[in-house]
């Protein structure tokens, strides 16, 4: 085999680089399509009907269980609304106080403590709601329901970014 000249080497290297670029672009296009499809699937969780049907199918609920779940869901959300409204009112009052020339820090602290108590009450309501739902499930359904709740909790944490560290801050600053 004859030696390749300098121009032939350059042409060979350019050809290889072009082929690598084409392969990378092709991979990016396929990956983008896959991510777009995953986004469409995750977006369906926002549609109440799809969530209800998903839970019904995932837990293999009977018609009576499904009706009970729906009634409980409506009751639970109607009980949560006034508490959430109180929290929103307190947050608005805090916001208004913060922008005063001389904010009343004791009042802010008191309102923040009140929000914390309301949030704790909401958490208790959620726990009792799920406990009430599990009383209607058989053992296999309880296992499936627990897995479903763990996945949802992980998804919520991931969406809030709680699982990530802050890369732009020094580690000693994170400890404070």
C-alpha atoms as a PDB file:
ATOM      1  CA  UNK A   1       0.000   0.000   0.000  1.00  0.00           C
ATOM      2  CA  UNK A   2       1.359   3.368  -0.983  1.00  0.00           C
ATOM      3  CA  UNK A   3       2.009   6.119   1.544  1.00  0.00           C
ATOM      4  CA  UNK A   4      -0.664   8.757   1.786  1.00  0.00           C
ATOM      5  CA  UNK A   5       0.343  12.290   0.956  1.00  0.00           C
ATOM      6  CA  UNK A   6      -0.313  15.161   3.313  1.00  0.00           C
ATOM      7  CA  UNK A   7      -3.386  16.282   1.332  1.00  0.00           C
ATOM      8  CA  UNK A   8      -4.801  12.754   1.400  1.00  0.00           C
ATOM      9  CA  UNK A   9      -4.342  12.575   5.195  1.00  0.00           C
ATOM     10  CA  UNK A  10      -6.147  15.878   5.601  1.00  0.00           C
ATOM     11  CA  UNK A  11      -8.969  14.684   3.324  1.00  0.00           C
ATOM     12  CA  UNK A  12      -9.228  11.426   5.319  1.00  0.00           C
ATOM     13  CA  UNK A  13      -9.343  13.255   8.662  1.00  0.00           C
ATOM     14  CA  UNK A  14     -11.972  15.693   7.398  1.00  0.00           C
ATOM     15  CA  UNK A  15     -14.066  12.785   6.078  1.00  0.00           C
ATOM     16  CA  UNK A  16     -13.892  10.996   9.439  1.00  0.00           C
ATOM     17  CA  UNK A  17     -14.834  14.199  11.299  1.00  0.00           C
ATOM     18  CA  UNK A  18     -17.794  14.801   8.986  1.00  0.00           C
ATOM     19  CA  UNK A  19     -18.983  11.226   9.541  1.00  0.00           C
ATOM     20  CA  UNK A  20     -18.699  11.686  13.322  1.00  0.00           C
ATOM     21  CA  UNK A  21     -20.691  14.937  13.118  1.00  0.00           C
ATOM     22  CA  UNK A  22     -23.407  13.277  11.041  1.00  0.00           C
ATOM     23  CA  UNK A  23     -23.615  10.441  13.575  1.00  0.00           C
ATOM     24  CA  UNK A  24     -23.853  12.925  16.485  1.00  0.00           C
ATOM     25  CA  UNK A  25     -26.576  14.953  14.741  1.00  0.00           C
ATOM     26  CA  UNK A  26     -28.503  11.758  14.008  1.00  0.00           C
ATOM     27  CA  UNK A  27     -28.199  10.720  17.680  1.00  0.00           C
ATOM     28  CA  UNK A  28     -29.343  14.156  18.852  1.00  0.00           C
ATOM     29  CA  UNK A  29     -32.404  14.021  16.608  1.00  0.00           C
ATOM     30  CA  UNK A  30     -33.390  10.575  17.892  1.00  0.00           C
ATOM     31  CA  UNK A  31     -32.791  11.595  21.507  1.00  0.00           C
ATOM     32  CA  UNK A  32     -34.817  14.800  21.071  1.00  0.00           C
ATOM     33  CA  UNK A  33     -37.735  12.804  19.666  1.00  0.00           C
ATOM     34  CA  UNK A  34     -37.540  10.386  22.611  1.00  0.00           C
ATOM     35  CA  UNK A  35     -37.468  13.266  25.126  1.00  0.00           C
ATOM     36  CA  UNK A  36     -40.395  14.937  23.372  1.00  0.00           C
ATOM     37  CA  UNK A  37     -42.382  11.691  23.590  1.00  0.00           C
ATOM     38  CA  UNK A  38     -41.524  11.339  27.301  1.00  0.00           C
ATOM     39  CA  UNK A  39     -42.661  14.934  27.885  1.00  0.00           C
ATOM     40  CA  UNK A  40     -45.985  14.211  26.185  1.00  0.00           C
ATOM     41  CA  UNK A  41     -46.490  11.189  28.443  1.00  0.00           C
ATOM     42  CA  UNK A  42     -45.605  13.146  31.603  1.00  0.00           C
ATOM     43  CA  UNK A  43     -47.856  15.994  30.495  1.00  0.00           C
ATOM     44  CA  UNK A  44     -50.891  13.689  30.576  1.00  0.00           C
ATOM     45  CA  UNK A  45     -50.532  13.502  34.370  1.00  0.00           C
ATOM     46  CA  UNK A  46     -51.975  17.004  34.487  1.00  0.00           C
ATOM     47  CA  UNK A  47     -55.267  15.840  33.041  1.00  0.00           C
ATOM     48  CA  UNK A  48     -57.469  14.706  35.953  1.00  0.00           C
ATOM     49  CA  UNK A  49     -59.309  12.091  33.908  1.00  0.00           C
ATOM     50  CA  UNK A  50     -56.057  10.448  32.837  1.00  0.00           C
ATOM     51  CA  UNK A  51     -54.754  10.409  36.420  1.00  0.00           C
ATOM     52  CA  UNK A  52     -57.951   8.858  37.698  1.00  0.00           C
ATOM     53  CA  UNK A  53     -57.883   6.170  35.020  1.00  0.00           C
ATOM     54  CA  UNK A  54     -54.177   5.586  35.594  1.00  0.00           C
ATOM     55  CA  UNK A  55     -54.749   5.046  39.322  1.00  0.00           C
ATOM     56  CA  UNK A  56     -57.767   2.872  38.639  1.00  0.00           C
ATOM     57  CA  UNK A  57     -55.749   0.659  36.289  1.00  0.00           C
ATOM     58  CA  UNK A  58     -52.538   0.697  38.334  1.00  0.00           C
ATOM     59  CA  UNK A  59     -54.313  -0.382  41.529  1.00  0.00           C
ATOM     60  CA  UNK A  60     -56.871  -2.558  39.743  1.00  0.00           C
ATOM     61  CA  UNK A  61     -59.711  -0.837  41.610  1.00  0.00           C
ATOM     62  CA  UNK A  62     -63.231  -2.198  41.598  1.00  0.00           C
ATOM     63  CA  UNK A  63     -66.081   0.150  40.679  1.00  0.00           C
ATOM     64  CA  UNK A  64     -66.982   0.573  44.365  1.00  0.00           C
ATOM     65  CA  UNK A  65     -63.374   1.335  45.298  1.00  0.00           C
ATOM     66  CA  UNK A  66     -63.081   3.799  42.430  1.00  0.00           C
ATOM     67  CA  UNK A  67     -66.259   5.597  43.522  1.00  0.00           C
ATOM     68  CA  UNK A  68     -64.945   5.715  47.103  1.00  0.00           C
ATOM     69  CA  UNK A  69     -61.589   7.120  45.911  1.00  0.00           C
ATOM     70  CA  UNK A  70     -63.359   9.810  43.882  1.00  0.00           C
ATOM     71  CA  UNK A  71     -65.615  10.817  46.785  1.00  0.00           C
ATOM     72  CA  UNK A  72     -62.644  10.930  49.144  1.00  0.00           C
ATOM     73  CA  UNK A  73     -60.596  12.965  46.678  1.00  0.00           C
ATOM     74  CA  UNK A  74     -63.341  15.570  46.382  1.00  0.00           C
ATOM     75  CA  UNK A  75     -63.788  15.717  50.167  1.00  0.00           C
ATOM     76  CA  UNK A  76     -60.055  16.004  50.735  1.00  0.00           C
ATOM     77  CA  UNK A  77     -59.617  18.876  48.288  1.00  0.00           C
ATOM     78  CA  UNK A  78     -62.646  20.726  49.643  1.00  0.00           C
ATOM     79  CA  UNK A  79     -61.160  20.471  53.167  1.00  0.00           C
ATOM     80  CA  UNK A  80     -57.752  21.688  51.959  1.00  0.00           C
ATOM     81  CA  UNK A  81     -59.035  24.792  50.151  1.00  0.00           C
ATOM     82  CA  UNK A  82     -59.792  26.925  53.241  1.00  0.00           C
ATOM     83  CA  UNK A  83     -56.427  26.098  54.806  1.00  0.00           C
ATOM     84  CA  UNK A  84     -54.607  26.973  51.594  1.00  0.00           C
ATOM     85  CA  UNK A  85     -56.612  30.207  51.360  1.00  0.00           C
ATOM     86  CA  UNK A  86     -55.516  31.131  54.905  1.00  0.00           C
ATOM     87  CA  UNK A  87     -51.900  30.456  53.969  1.00  0.00           C
ATOM     88  CA  UNK A  88     -52.210  32.624  50.854  1.00  0.00           C
ATOM     89  CA  UNK A  89     -53.718  35.451  52.906  1.00  0.00           C
ATOM     90  CA  UNK A  90     -50.879  35.270  55.424  1.00  0.00           C
ATOM     91  CA  UNK A  91     -48.279  35.219  52.641  1.00  0.00           C
ATOM     92  CA  UNK A  92     -49.839  38.324  51.106  1.00  0.00           C
ATOM     93  CA  UNK A  93     -49.789  40.079  54.496  1.00  0.00           C
ATOM     94  CA  UNK A  94     -46.121  39.153  54.977  1.00  0.00           C
ATOM     95  CA  UNK A  95     -45.292  40.438  51.506  1.00  0.00           C
ATOM     96  CA  UNK A  96     -47.076  43.720  52.247  1.00  0.00           C
ATOM     97  CA  UNK A  97     -45.268  44.055  55.585  1.00  0.00           C
ATOM     98  CA  UNK A  98     -41.843  43.371  54.066  1.00  0.00           C
ATOM     99  CA  UNK A  99     -42.140  46.339  51.710  1.00  0.00           C
ATOM    100  CA  UNK A 100     -43.067  48.845  54.420  1.00  0.00           C
ATOM    101  CA  UNK A 101     -40.355  51.399  55.285  1.00  0.00           C
ATOM    102  CA  UNK A 102     -40.076  49.866  58.764  1.00  0.00           C
ATOM    103  CA  UNK A 103     -41.451  46.308  58.729  1.00  0.00           C
ATOM    104  CA  UNK A 104     -42.719  44.804  61.972  1.00  0.00           C
ATOM    105  CA  UNK A 105     -40.425  41.774  62.282  1.00  0.00           C
ATOM    106  CA  UNK A 106     -42.376  40.329  65.210  1.00  0.00           C
ATOM    107  CA  UNK A 107     -45.561  40.398  63.148  1.00  0.00           C
ATOM    108  CA  UNK A 108     -43.725  38.774  60.227  1.00  0.00           C
ATOM    109  CA  UNK A 109     -42.376  36.068  62.529  1.00  0.00           C
ATOM    110  CA  UNK A 110     -45.832  35.447  63.984  1.00  0.00           C
ATOM    111  CA  UNK A 111     -47.386  35.154  60.503  1.00  0.00           C
ATOM    112  CA  UNK A 112     -44.567  32.858  59.338  1.00  0.00           C
ATOM    113  CA  UNK A 113     -45.138  30.640  62.374  1.00  0.00           C
ATOM    114  CA  UNK A 114     -48.857  30.566  61.555  1.00  0.00           C
ATOM    115  CA  UNK A 115     -48.079  29.501  57.985  1.00  0.00           C
ATOM    116  CA  UNK A 116     -45.877  26.726  59.364  1.00  0.00           C
ATOM    117  CA  UNK A 117     -48.679  25.464  61.592  1.00  0.00           C
ATOM    118  CA  UNK A 118     -51.117  25.539  58.677  1.00  0.00           C
ATOM    119  CA  UNK A 119     -48.609  23.649  56.502  1.00  0.00           C
ATOM    120  CA  UNK A 120     -48.206  21.027  59.236  1.00  0.00           C
ATOM    121  CA  UNK A 121     -52.005  20.739  59.354  1.00  0.00           C
ATOM    122  CA  UNK A 122     -52.085  20.214  55.571  1.00  0.00           C
ATOM    123  CA  UNK A 123     -49.459  17.473  55.837  1.00  0.00           C
ATOM    124  CA  UNK A 124     -51.510  15.742  58.531  1.00  0.00           C
ATOM    125  CA  UNK A 125     -54.624  16.001  56.341  1.00  0.00           C
ATOM    126  CA  UNK A 126     -52.753  14.354  53.457  1.00  0.00           C
ATOM    127  CA  UNK A 127     -51.463  11.520  55.648  1.00  0.00           C
ATOM    128  CA  UNK A 128     -54.907  10.842  57.092  1.00  0.00           C
ATOM    129  CA  UNK A 129     -56.424  11.008  53.594  1.00  0.00           C
ATOM    130  CA  UNK A 130     -54.024   8.370  52.267  1.00  0.00           C
ATOM    131  CA  UNK A 131     -54.542   6.241  55.368  1.00  0.00           C
ATOM    132  CA  UNK A 132     -58.300   6.396  54.841  1.00  0.00           C
ATOM    133  CA  UNK A 133     -57.860   5.364  51.203  1.00  0.00           C
ATOM    134  CA  UNK A 134     -55.628   2.408  52.072  1.00  0.00           C
ATOM    135  CA  UNK A 135     -58.313   1.029  54.416  1.00  0.00           C
ATOM    136  CA  UNK A 136     -60.366   0.222  51.297  1.00  0.00           C
ATOM    137  CA  UNK A 137     -57.563  -1.685  49.534  1.00  0.00           C
ATOM    138  CA  UNK A 138     -56.606  -5.340  49.627  1.00  0.00           C
ATOM    139  CA  UNK A 139     -52.976  -6.251  50.475  1.00  0.00           C
ATOM    140  CA  UNK A 140     -51.805  -6.359  46.830  1.00  0.00           C
ATOM    141  CA  UNK A 141     -53.420  -3.001  46.110  1.00  0.00           C
ATOM    142  CA  UNK A 142     -51.800  -1.509  49.231  1.00  0.00           C
ATOM    143  CA  UNK A 143     -48.350  -2.525  47.959  1.00  0.00           C
ATOM    144  CA  UNK A 144     -49.083  -1.008  44.536  1.00  0.00           C
ATOM    145  CA  UNK A 145     -50.465   2.164  46.153  1.00  0.00           C
ATOM    146  CA  UNK A 146     -47.367   2.563  48.321  1.00  0.00           C
ATOM    147  CA  UNK A 147     -45.107   2.222  45.256  1.00  0.00           C
ATOM    148  CA  UNK A 148     -47.224   4.768  43.410  1.00  0.00           C
ATOM    149  CA  UNK A 149     -46.958   7.264  46.275  1.00  0.00           C
ATOM    150  CA  UNK A 150     -43.181   6.781  46.506  1.00  0.00           C
ATOM    151  CA  UNK A 151     -42.809   7.439  42.767  1.00  0.00           C
ATOM    152  CA  UNK A 152     -44.935  10.570  43.045  1.00  0.00           C
ATOM    153  CA  UNK A 153     -42.933  11.831  46.011  1.00  0.00           C
ATOM    154  CA  UNK A 154     -39.684  11.242  44.127  1.00  0.00           C
ATOM    155  CA  UNK A 155     -41.101  13.043  41.075  1.00  0.00           C
ATOM    156  CA  UNK A 156     -42.136  16.043  43.204  1.00  0.00           C
ATOM    157  CA  UNK A 157     -38.694  16.217  44.855  1.00  0.00           C
ATOM    158  CA  UNK A 158     -37.004  15.981  41.459  1.00  0.00           C
ATOM    159  CA  UNK A 159     -39.203  18.752  40.045  1.00  0.00           C
ATOM    160  CA  UNK A 160     -38.354  20.992  43.002  1.00  0.00           C
ATOM    161  CA  UNK A 161     -34.653  20.243  42.525  1.00  0.00           C
ATOM    162  CA  UNK A 162     -34.182  18.877  46.047  1.00  0.00           C
ATOM    163  CA  UNK A 163     -32.029  15.996  44.839  1.00  0.00           C
ATOM    164  CA  UNK A 164     -29.471  18.270  43.212  1.00  0.00           C
ATOM    165  CA  UNK A 165     -26.608  20.109  44.835  1.00  0.00           C
ATOM    166  CA  UNK A 166     -25.800  23.678  43.939  1.00  0.00           C
ATOM    167  CA  UNK A 167     -22.675  23.448  41.750  1.00  0.00           C
ATOM    168  CA  UNK A 168     -21.932  27.180  41.629  1.00  0.00           C
ATOM    169  CA  UNK A 169     -21.577  27.584  45.392  1.00  0.00           C
ATOM    170  CA  UNK A 170     -18.538  26.447  47.368  1.00  0.00           C
ATOM    171  CA  UNK A 171     -19.149  23.446  49.626  1.00  0.00           C
ATOM    172  CA  UNK A 172     -18.302  25.388  52.797  1.00  0.00           C
ATOM    173  CA  UNK A 173     -21.024  27.906  51.900  1.00  0.00           C
ATOM    174  CA  UNK A 174     -23.599  25.087  51.619  1.00  0.00           C
ATOM    175  CA  UNK A 175     -22.945  23.952  55.207  1.00  0.00           C
ATOM    176  CA  UNK A 176     -23.888  27.287  56.760  1.00  0.00           C
END
